[in-house]
Amino acid sequence: MNIDLLEVGLILITLAWLVQLGFMLRKDRKIQKAFVGLYVVGVALLAVNAFLSGSLSHALLQTVSMAAALLVLFVLLGKKG
């Protein structure tokens, strides 16, 4: 079985959403650091895969998405409480 970066990235993004859903079902409506962290790593893998595949427009768009998520993560990490 050969798993590529695209598949791993999509698996991590799916796990991120399942983590967030789990917290929300327990009535915790805050954005979870674990969600954002998994999402960032997943999108980073998608961006690397797109770059290696020669799809620079996809790589750029995924990098922008990753940067936005990283900003959210930095804000969450900076919050007290």
PDB file of N, CA and C in Angstrom:
ATOM      1  N   MET A   1       0.849  -1.182   0.000  1.00  0.00           N
ATOM      2  CA  MET A   1       0.000   0.000   0.000  1.00  0.00           C
ATOM      3  C   MET A   1       0.888   1.235   0.000  1.00  0.00           C
ATOM      4  N   ASN A   2       0.634   2.122  -0.922  1.00  0.00           N
ATOM      5  CA  ASN A   2       1.435   3.332  -1.033  1.00  0.00           C
ATOM      6  C   ASN A   2       0.554   4.552  -0.787  1.00  0.00           C
ATOM      7  N   ILE A   3       0.797   5.249   0.296  1.00  0.00           N
ATOM      8  CA  ILE A   3       0.018   6.440   0.636  1.00  0.00           C
ATOM      9  C   ILE A   3       0.843   7.658   0.267  1.00  0.00           C
ATOM     10  N   ASP A   4       0.240   8.596  -0.461  1.00  0.00           N
ATOM     11  CA  ASP A   4       0.983   9.785  -0.850  1.00  0.00           C
ATOM     12  C   ASP A   4       0.618  10.985   0.038  1.00  0.00           C
ATOM     13  N   LEU A   5       1.294  12.101  -0.196  1.00  0.00           N
ATOM     14  CA  LEU A   5       1.091  13.295   0.616  1.00  0.00           C
ATOM     15  C   LEU A   5      -0.348  13.793   0.555  1.00  0.00           C
ATOM     16  N   LEU A   6      -0.952  13.698  -0.611  1.00  0.00           N
ATOM     17  CA  LEU A   6      -2.332  14.143  -0.768  1.00  0.00           C
ATOM     18  C   LEU A   6      -3.264  13.365   0.160  1.00  0.00           C
ATOM     19  N   GLU A   7      -3.114  12.038   0.170  1.00  0.00           N
ATOM     20  CA  GLU A   7      -3.976  11.218   1.019  1.00  0.00           C
ATOM     21  C   GLU A   7      -3.748  11.495   2.499  1.00  0.00           C
ATOM     22  N   VAL A   8      -2.494  11.604   2.906  1.00  0.00           N
ATOM     23  CA  VAL A   8      -2.193  11.882   4.316  1.00  0.00           C
ATOM     24  C   VAL A   8      -2.746  13.244   4.708  1.00  0.00           C
ATOM     25  N   GLY A   9      -2.564  14.236   3.843  1.00  0.00           N
ATOM     26  CA  GLY A   9      -3.093  15.572   4.128  1.00  0.00           C
ATOM     27  C   GLY A   9      -4.592  15.559   4.298  1.00  0.00           C
ATOM     28  N   LEU A  10      -5.285  14.877   3.396  1.00  0.00           N
ATOM     29  CA  LEU A  10      -6.749  14.819   3.493  1.00  0.00           C
ATOM     30  C   LEU A  10      -7.205  14.046   4.727  1.00  0.00           C
ATOM     31  N   ILE A  11      -6.474  13.005   5.091  1.00  0.00           N
ATOM     32  CA  ILE A  11      -6.800  12.259   6.312  1.00  0.00           C
ATOM     33  C   ILE A  11      -6.650  13.162   7.537  1.00  0.00           C
ATOM     34  N   LEU A  12      -5.572  13.944   7.592  1.00  0.00           N
ATOM     35  CA  LEU A  12      -5.369  14.841   8.735  1.00  0.00           C
ATOM     36  C   LEU A  12      -6.445  15.925   8.797  1.00  0.00           C
ATOM     37  N   ILE A  13      -6.838  16.462   7.651  1.00  0.00           N
ATOM     38  CA  ILE A  13      -7.898  17.484   7.633  1.00  0.00           C
ATOM     39  C   ILE A  13      -9.215  16.873   8.095  1.00  0.00           C
ATOM     40  N   THR A  14      -9.498  15.652   7.669  1.00  0.00           N
ATOM     41  CA  THR A  14     -10.715  14.965   8.116  1.00  0.00           C
ATOM     42  C   THR A  14     -10.675  14.713   9.617  1.00  0.00           C
ATOM     43  N   LEU A  15      -9.534  14.254  10.130  1.00  0.00           N
ATOM     44  CA  LEU A  15      -9.388  14.057  11.583  1.00  0.00           C
ATOM     45  C   LEU A  15      -9.589  15.364  12.335  1.00  0.00           C
ATOM     46  N   ALA A  16      -9.054  16.450  11.781  1.00  0.00           N
ATOM     47  CA  ALA A  16      -9.213  17.756  12.424  1.00  0.00           C
ATOM     48  C   ALA A  16     -10.692  18.102  12.579  1.00  0.00           C
ATOM     49  N   TRP A  17     -11.444  17.905  11.512  1.00  0.00           N
ATOM     50  CA  TRP A  17     -12.872  18.200  11.578  1.00  0.00           C
ATOM     51  C   TRP A  17     -13.599  17.278  12.558  1.00  0.00           C
ATOM     52  N   LEU A  18     -13.183  16.022  12.632  1.00  0.00           N
ATOM     53  CA  LEU A  18     -13.810  15.104  13.588  1.00  0.00           C
ATOM     54  C   LEU A  18     -13.493  15.489  15.030  1.00  0.00           C
ATOM     55  N   VAL A  19     -12.273  15.962  15.273  1.00  0.00           N
ATOM     56  CA  VAL A  19     -11.909  16.452  16.613  1.00  0.00           C
ATOM     57  C   VAL A  19     -12.793  17.644  16.983  1.00  0.00           C
ATOM     58  N   GLN A  20     -12.920  18.599  16.064  1.00  0.00           N
ATOM     59  CA  GLN A  20     -13.742  19.783  16.340  1.00  0.00           C
ATOM     60  C   GLN A  20     -15.198  19.387  16.564  1.00  0.00           C
ATOM     61  N   LEU A  21     -15.700  18.485  15.745  1.00  0.00           N
ATOM     62  CA  LEU A  21     -17.079  18.023  15.900  1.00  0.00           C
ATOM     63  C   LEU A  21     -17.288  17.367  17.257  1.00  0.00           C
ATOM     64  N   GLY A  22     -16.327  16.553  17.683  1.00  0.00           N
ATOM     65  CA  GLY A  22     -16.433  15.906  18.991  1.00  0.00           C
ATOM     66  C   GLY A  22     -16.579  16.902  20.123  1.00  0.00           C
ATOM     67  N   PHE A  23     -15.788  17.966  20.086  1.00  0.00           N
ATOM     68  CA  PHE A  23     -15.903  18.994  21.115  1.00  0.00           C
ATOM     69  C   PHE A  23     -17.245  19.715  21.023  1.00  0.00           C
ATOM     70  N   MET A  24     -17.687  19.998  19.803  1.00  0.00           N
ATOM     71  CA  MET A  24     -18.947  20.718  19.643  1.00  0.00           C
ATOM     72  C   MET A  24     -20.142  19.886  20.105  1.00  0.00           C
ATOM     73  N   LEU A  25     -20.073  18.581  19.899  1.00  0.00           N
ATOM     74  CA  LEU A  25     -21.161  17.722  20.375  1.00  0.00           C
ATOM     75  C   LEU A  25     -21.223  17.680  21.900  1.00  0.00           C
ATOM     76  N   ARG A  26     -20.095  18.000  22.537  1.00  0.00           N
ATOM     77  CA  ARG A  26     -20.060  18.092  24.003  1.00  0.00           C
ATOM     78  C   ARG A  26     -20.312  19.520  24.461  1.00  0.00           C
ATOM     79  N   LYS A  27     -20.876  20.330  23.569  1.00  0.00           N
ATOM     80  CA  LYS A  27     -21.295  21.713  23.859  1.00  0.00           C
ATOM     81  C   LYS A  27     -20.138  22.689  24.024  1.00  0.00           C
ATOM     82  N   ASP A  28     -18.949  22.323  23.580  1.00  0.00           N
ATOM     83  CA  ASP A  28     -17.810  23.240  23.613  1.00  0.00           C
ATOM     84  C   ASP A  28     -17.691  23.871  22.231  1.00  0.00           C
ATOM     85  N   ARG A  29     -18.159  25.109  22.096  1.00  0.00           N
ATOM     86  CA  ARG A  29     -18.254  25.764  20.794  1.00  0.00           C
ATOM     87  C   ARG A  29     -16.980  26.504  20.389  1.00  0.00           C
ATOM     88  N   LYS A  30     -15.946  26.485  21.243  1.00  0.00           N
ATOM     89  CA  LYS A  30     -14.702  27.183  20.919  1.00  0.00           C
ATOM     90  C   LYS A  30     -13.923  26.438  19.843  1.00  0.00           C
ATOM     91  N   ILE A  31     -13.166  27.199  19.061  1.00  0.00           N
ATOM     92  CA  ILE A  31     -12.266  26.578  18.090  1.00  0.00           C
ATOM     93  C   ILE A  31     -11.135  25.921  18.870  1.00  0.00           C
ATOM     94  N   GLN A  32     -10.911  24.643  18.613  1.00  0.00           N
ATOM     95  CA  GLN A  32      -9.910  23.881  19.345  1.00  0.00           C
ATOM     96  C   GLN A  32      -8.527  23.998  18.701  1.00  0.00           C
ATOM     97  N   LYS A  33      -7.516  24.109  19.547  1.00  0.00           N
ATOM     98  CA  LYS A  33      -6.137  24.176  19.048  1.00  0.00           C
ATOM     99  C   LYS A  33      -5.778  22.918  18.264  1.00  0.00           C
ATOM    100  N   ALA A  34      -6.245  21.768  18.725  1.00  0.00           N
ATOM    101  CA  ALA A  34      -5.952  20.506  18.040  1.00  0.00           C
ATOM    102  C   ALA A  34      -6.549  20.510  16.634  1.00  0.00           C
ATOM    103  N   PHE A  35      -7.740  21.065  16.503  1.00  0.00           N
ATOM    104  CA  PHE A  35      -8.370  21.172  15.188  1.00  0.00           C
ATOM    105  C   PHE A  35      -7.508  21.996  14.247  1.00  0.00           C
ATOM    106  N   VAL A  36      -7.137  23.180  14.696  1.00  0.00           N
ATOM    107  CA  VAL A  36      -6.368  24.080  13.834  1.00  0.00           C
ATOM    108  C   VAL A  36      -4.989  23.485  13.529  1.00  0.00           C
ATOM    109  N   GLY A  37      -4.352  22.884  14.521  1.00  0.00           N
ATOM    110  CA  GLY A  37      -3.036  22.292  14.307  1.00  0.00           C
ATOM    111  C   GLY A  37      -3.069  21.173  13.279  1.00  0.00           C
ATOM    112  N   LEU A  38      -4.028  20.259  13.412  1.00  0.00           N
ATOM    113  CA  LEU A  38      -4.157  19.170  12.440  1.00  0.00           C
ATOM    114  C   LEU A  38      -4.487  19.707  11.051  1.00  0.00           C
ATOM    115  N   TYR A  39      -5.347  20.715  11.019  1.00  0.00           N
ATOM    116  CA  TYR A  39      -5.727  21.323   9.737  1.00  0.00           C
ATOM    117  C   TYR A  39      -4.508  21.941   9.055  1.00  0.00           C
ATOM    118  N   VAL A  40      -3.699  22.673   9.822  1.00  0.00           N
ATOM    119  CA  VAL A  40      -2.505  23.318   9.262  1.00  0.00           C
ATOM    120  C   VAL A  40      -1.554  22.271   8.674  1.00  0.00           C
ATOM    121  N   VAL A  41      -1.295  21.206   9.417  1.00  0.00           N
ATOM    122  CA  VAL A  41      -0.384  20.166   8.928  1.00  0.00           C
ATOM    123  C   VAL A  41      -0.967  19.497   7.679  1.00  0.00           C
ATOM    124  N   GLY A  42      -2.262  19.222   7.695  1.00  0.00           N
ATOM    125  CA  GLY A  42      -2.905  18.609   6.535  1.00  0.00           C
ATOM    126  C   GLY A  42      -2.808  19.471   5.288  1.00  0.00           C
ATOM    127  N   VAL A  43      -3.108  20.754   5.441  1.00  0.00           N
ATOM    128  CA  VAL A  43      -3.040  21.659   4.293  1.00  0.00           C
ATOM    129  C   VAL A  43      -1.592  21.850   3.844  1.00  0.00           C
ATOM    130  N   ALA A  44      -0.657  21.850   4.774  1.00  0.00           N
ATOM    131  CA  ALA A  44       0.757  21.960   4.397  1.00  0.00           C
ATOM    132  C   ALA A  44       1.148  20.785   3.503  1.00  0.00           C
ATOM    133  N   LEU A  45       0.684  19.583   3.839  1.00  0.00           N
ATOM    134  CA  LEU A  45       0.978  18.417   3.006  1.00  0.00           C
ATOM    135  C   LEU A  45       0.328  18.531   1.629  1.00  0.00           C
ATOM    136  N   LEU A  46      -0.884  19.072   1.586  1.00  0.00           N
ATOM    137  CA  LEU A  46      -1.532  19.294   0.287  1.00  0.00           C
ATOM    138  C   LEU A  46      -0.744  20.291  -0.545  1.00  0.00           C
ATOM    139  N   ALA A  47      -0.251  21.343   0.093  1.00  0.00           N
ATOM    140  CA  ALA A  47       0.520  22.364  -0.621  1.00  0.00           C
ATOM    141  C   ALA A  47       1.824  21.785  -1.158  1.00  0.00           C
ATOM    142  N   VAL A  48       2.514  21.004  -0.345  1.00  0.00           N
ATOM    143  CA  VAL A  48       3.763  20.376  -0.787  1.00  0.00           C
ATOM    144  C   VAL A  48       3.483  19.441  -1.960  1.00  0.00           C
ATOM    145  N   ASN A  49       2.414  18.655  -1.841  1.00  0.00           N
ATOM    146  CA  ASN A  49       2.046  17.741  -2.920  1.00  0.00           C
ATOM    147  C   ASN A  49       1.758  18.506  -4.214  1.00  0.00           C
ATOM    148  N   ALA A  50       1.005  19.595  -4.107  1.00  0.00           N
ATOM    149  CA  ALA A  50       0.681  20.395  -5.290  1.00  0.00           C
ATOM    150  C   ALA A  50       1.944  20.988  -5.901  1.00  0.00           C
ATOM    151  N   PHE A  51       2.838  21.479  -5.054  1.00  0.00           N
ATOM    152  CA  PHE A  51       4.095  22.046  -5.549  1.00  0.00           C
ATOM    153  C   PHE A  51       4.915  20.979  -6.274  1.00  0.00           C
ATOM    154  N   LEU A  52       5.039  19.803  -5.663  1.00  0.00           N
ATOM    155  CA  LEU A  52       5.808  18.719  -6.273  1.00  0.00           C
ATOM    156  C   LEU A  52       5.172  18.209  -7.565  1.00  0.00           C
ATOM    157  N   SER A  53       3.861  18.355  -7.666  1.00  0.00           N
ATOM    158  CA  SER A  53       3.146  17.926  -8.867  1.00  0.00           C
ATOM    159  C   SER A  53       3.167  18.992  -9.956  1.00  0.00           C
ATOM    160  N   GLY A  54       3.718  20.157  -9.644  1.00  0.00           N
ATOM    161  CA  GLY A  54       3.799  21.227 -10.630  1.00  0.00           C
ATOM    162  C   GLY A  54       2.568  22.102 -10.713  1.00  0.00           C
ATOM    163  N   SER A  55       1.648  21.945  -9.774  1.00  0.00           N
ATOM    164  CA  SER A  55       0.434  22.764  -9.766  1.00  0.00           C
ATOM    165  C   SER A  55       0.635  23.966  -8.847  1.00  0.00           C
ATOM    166  N   LEU A  56       1.320  24.963  -9.351  1.00  0.00           N
ATOM    167  CA  LEU A  56       1.699  26.105  -8.519  1.00  0.00           C
ATOM    168  C   LEU A  56       0.501  26.917  -8.051  1.00  0.00           C
ATOM    169  N   SER A  57      -0.553  27.017  -8.864  1.00  0.00           N
ATOM    170  CA  SER A  57      -1.731  27.776  -8.428  1.00  0.00           C
ATOM    171  C   SER A  57      -2.389  27.091  -7.234  1.00  0.00           C
ATOM    172  N   HIS A  58      -2.496  25.753  -7.272  1.00  0.00           N
ATOM    173  CA  HIS A  58      -3.060  25.029  -6.130  1.00  0.00           C
ATOM    174  C   HIS A  58      -2.155  25.157  -4.910  1.00  0.00           C
ATOM    175  N   ALA A  59      -0.859  25.059  -5.116  1.00  0.00           N
ATOM    176  CA  ALA A  59       0.084  25.193  -4.008  1.00  0.00           C
ATOM    177  C   ALA A  59      -0.043  26.561  -3.360  1.00  0.00           C
ATOM    178  N   LEU A  60      -0.170  27.607  -4.173  1.00  0.00           N
ATOM    179  CA  LEU A  60      -0.297  28.962  -3.636  1.00  0.00           C
ATOM    180  C   LEU A  60      -1.585  29.125  -2.838  1.00  0.00           C
ATOM    181  N   LEU A  61      -2.687  28.646  -3.392  1.00  0.00           N
ATOM    182  CA  LEU A  61      -3.973  28.764  -2.689  1.00  0.00           C
ATOM    183  C   LEU A  61      -3.964  27.988  -1.373  1.00  0.00           C
ATOM    184  N   GLN A  62      -3.378  26.822  -1.376  1.00  0.00           N
ATOM    185  CA  GLN A  62      -3.314  26.036  -0.151  1.00  0.00           C
ATOM    186  C   GLN A  62      -2.377  26.679   0.873  1.00  0.00           C
ATOM    187  N   THR A  63      -1.331  27.323   0.395  1.00  0.00           N
ATOM    188  CA  THR A  63      -0.419  28.029   1.299  1.00  0.00           C
ATOM    189  C   THR A  63      -1.120  29.216   1.943  1.00  0.00           C
ATOM    190  N   VAL A  64      -1.954  29.916   1.183  1.00  0.00           N
ATOM    191  CA  VAL A  64      -2.727  31.037   1.746  1.00  0.00           C
ATOM    192  C   VAL A  64      -3.700  30.516   2.807  1.00  0.00           C
ATOM    193  N   SER A  65      -4.364  29.413   2.515  1.00  0.00           N
ATOM    194  CA  SER A  65      -5.276  28.804   3.484  1.00  0.00           C
ATOM    195  C   SER A  65      -4.529  28.391   4.752  1.00  0.00           C
ATOM    196  N   MET A  66      -3.349  27.807   4.571  1.00  0.00           N
ATOM    197  CA  MET A  66      -2.535  27.389   5.713  1.00  0.00           C
ATOM    198  C   MET A  66      -2.095  28.602   6.540  1.00  0.00           C
ATOM    199  N   ALA A  67      -1.710  29.684   5.872  1.00  0.00           N
ATOM    200  CA  ALA A  67      -1.270  30.890   6.586  1.00  0.00           C
ATOM    201  C   ALA A  67      -2.408  31.460   7.422  1.00  0.00           C
ATOM    202  N   ALA A  68      -3.615  31.480   6.869  1.00  0.00           N
ATOM    203  CA  ALA A  68      -4.768  31.978   7.626  1.00  0.00           C
ATOM    204  C   ALA A  68      -5.022  31.114   8.860  1.00  0.00           C
ATOM    205  N   ALA A  69      -4.945  29.795   8.690  1.00  0.00           N
ATOM    206  CA  ALA A  69      -5.144  28.894   9.824  1.00  0.00           C
ATOM    207  C   ALA A  69      -4.035  29.065  10.866  1.00  0.00           C
ATOM    208  N   LEU A  70      -2.815  29.292  10.410  1.00  0.00           N
ATOM    209  CA  LEU A  70      -1.706  29.531  11.345  1.00  0.00           C
ATOM    210  C   LEU A  70      -1.939  30.794  12.164  1.00  0.00           C
ATOM    211  N   LEU A  71      -2.469  31.830  11.533  1.00  0.00           N
ATOM    212  CA  LEU A  71      -2.790  33.056  12.276  1.00  0.00           C
ATOM    213  C   LEU A  71      -3.830  32.781  13.354  1.00  0.00           C
ATOM    214  N   VAL A  72      -4.837  31.984  13.006  1.00  0.00           N
ATOM    215  CA  VAL A  72      -5.849  31.599  14.005  1.00  0.00           C
ATOM    216  C   VAL A  72      -5.192  30.825  15.140  1.00  0.00           C
ATOM    217  N   LEU A  73      -4.299  29.903  14.814  1.00  0.00           N
ATOM    218  CA  LEU A  73      -3.614  29.111  15.842  1.00  0.00           C
ATOM    219  C   LEU A  73      -2.781  30.006  16.751  1.00  0.00           C
ATOM    220  N   PHE A  74      -2.064  30.967  16.187  1.00  0.00           N
ATOM    221  CA  PHE A  74      -1.262  31.886  17.005  1.00  0.00           C
ATOM    222  C   PHE A  74      -2.134  32.694  17.950  1.00  0.00           C
ATOM    223  N   VAL A  75      -3.304  33.117  17.473  1.00  0.00           N
ATOM    224  CA  VAL A  75      -4.226  33.853  18.337  1.00  0.00           C
ATOM    225  C   VAL A  75      -4.721  32.942  19.459  1.00  0.00           C
ATOM    226  N   LEU A  76      -5.077  31.709  19.125  1.00  0.00           N
ATOM    227  CA  LEU A  76      -5.549  30.762  20.151  1.00  0.00           C
ATOM    228  C   LEU A  76      -4.454  30.466  21.181  1.00  0.00           C
ATOM    229  N   LEU A  77      -3.222  30.307  20.712  1.00  0.00           N
ATOM    230  CA  LEU A  77      -2.127  30.022  21.638  1.00  0.00           C
ATOM    231  C   LEU A  77      -1.803  31.215  22.528  1.00  0.00           C
ATOM    232  N   GLY A  78      -2.078  32.413  22.031  1.00  0.00           N
ATOM    233  CA  GLY A  78      -1.799  33.619  22.790  1.00  0.00           C
ATOM    234  C   GLY A  78      -2.859  33.962  23.824  1.00  0.00           C
ATOM    235  N   LYS A  79      -4.052  33.337  23.695  1.00  0.00           N
ATOM    236  CA  LYS A  79      -5.145  33.610  24.629  1.00  0.00           C
ATOM    237  C   LYS A  79      -4.860  32.956  25.969  1.00  0.00           C
ATOM    238  N   LYS A  80      -5.233  33.647  27.003  1.00  0.00           N
ATOM    239  CA  LYS A  80      -5.120  33.101  28.349  1.00  0.00           C
ATOM    240  C   LYS A  80      -6.500  32.581  28.761  1.00  0.00           C
ATOM    241  N   GLY A  81      -6.495  31.352  29.307  1.00  0.00           N
ATOM    242  CA  GLY A  81      -7.742  30.787  29.809  1.00  0.00           C
ATOM    243  C   GLY A  81      -8.496  29.993  28.865  1.00  0.00           C
TER     244      GLY A  81
END
